[in-house]
Protein backbone atom coordinates (compact mmCIF):
# COMPACT_ATOMS: atom_id res chain seq x y z
CA MET A 1 0.13 0.11 -0.21
CA PRO A 2 2.12 3.24 -0.66
CA LEU A 3 2.12 6.11 1.30
CA ASP A 4 1.77 10.09 -0.24
CA GLU A 5 4.18 11.95 0.82
CA ARG A 6 2.22 13.75 3.82
CA GLN A 7 1.59 10.63 4.86
CA ARG A 8 4.82 9.39 5.23
CA LYS A 9 5.93 12.46 6.76
CA LEU A 10 3.02 11.88 9.26
CA VAL A 11 4.11 8.16 10.28
CA ALA A 12 7.62 9.12 10.43
CA LEU A 13 6.51 12.00 13.10
CA LEU A 14 4.74 10.15 15.13
CA LEU A 15 7.31 7.24 15.12
CA ALA A 16 10.07 9.84 16.08
CA GLY A 17 7.90 10.67 19.19
CA HIS A 18 5.58 13.84 18.24
CA THR A 19 2.10 14.15 19.38
CA ASP A 20 -0.41 14.50 16.80
CA ALA A 21 -0.53 18.25 18.09
CA SER A 22 3.12 18.10 17.38
CA ALA A 23 3.50 16.61 14.05
CA ALA A 24 0.05 18.81 13.11
CA GLY A 25 2.65 21.89 13.43
CA ARG A 26 5.76 20.06 11.43
CA LEU A 27 3.02 19.44 8.88
CA GLY A 28 1.59 23.11 8.54
CA VAL A 29 -1.70 21.49 9.49
CA SER A 30 -5.10 21.45 12.04
CA PRO A 31 -4.51 17.99 14.61
CA ARG A 32 -7.82 17.76 13.55
CA THR A 33 -6.46 16.94 9.81
CA VAL A 34 -3.84 14.36 11.74
CA THR A 35 -7.05 12.55 13.30
CA ASN A 36 -8.53 12.16 9.40
CA ILE A 37 -5.31 11.02 8.13
CA LEU A 38 -5.24 8.22 10.33
CA ARG A 39 -8.64 7.39 10.30
CA SER A 40 -8.41 7.34 6.24
CA LEU A 41 -5.35 4.80 6.62
CA MET A 42 -7.04 2.81 9.39
CA ASP A 43 -10.10 2.32 7.13
CA ARG A 44 -7.76 1.84 4.20
CA LEU A 45 -6.29 -1.37 5.65
CA GLY A 46 -8.79 -2.28 7.81
CA VAL A 47 -7.95 -1.77 11.70
CA ASP A 48 -9.59 -0.23 14.35
CA ASN A 49 -7.06 1.11 16.37
CA ARG A 50 -4.09 3.18 16.47
CA PHE A 51 -1.66 0.12 17.99
CA GLN A 52 -3.14 -1.70 15.05
CA LEU A 53 -2.21 0.77 12.24
CA GLY A 54 0.86 0.71 13.69
CA VAL A 55 1.16 -2.90 13.16
CA ALA A 56 -0.56 -3.08 9.63
CA LEU A 57 2.09 -0.27 8.48
CA GLY A 58 5.04 -1.86 10.07
CA ARG A 59 4.59 -4.94 7.98
CA ARG A 60 3.92 -3.00 4.99
CA ILE A 61 6.49 -0.27 4.89
CA ARG A 62 10.04 -1.06 4.91
CA PRO A 63 11.73 0.93 7.81
CA SER A 64 14.34 2.69 4.95
CA ASP A 65 11.31 4.58 3.40
CA GLN A 66 10.28 5.46 6.47
CA LEU A 67 13.83 7.26 7.33
CA THR A 68 15.06 8.18 3.96
CA ARG A 69 11.59 10.17 2.40
CA SER A 70 10.77 11.46 5.87
CA SER A 71 13.77 14.08 5.88
């Protein structure tokens, strides 16, 4: 499942320990937009919560993709 640039950046920020609010600030979007992006990813992957989203993304995204493209 390919992620667009904004989704990749958001995932990388959350993996780095940012809160939704701080990630939103870094991306120049509202915290509500972060919630919507995450909900969209959860719906696409058929998962119910953020933990399951992390597991599902971890299975689909190579670690090098997350780090090199988000810089």
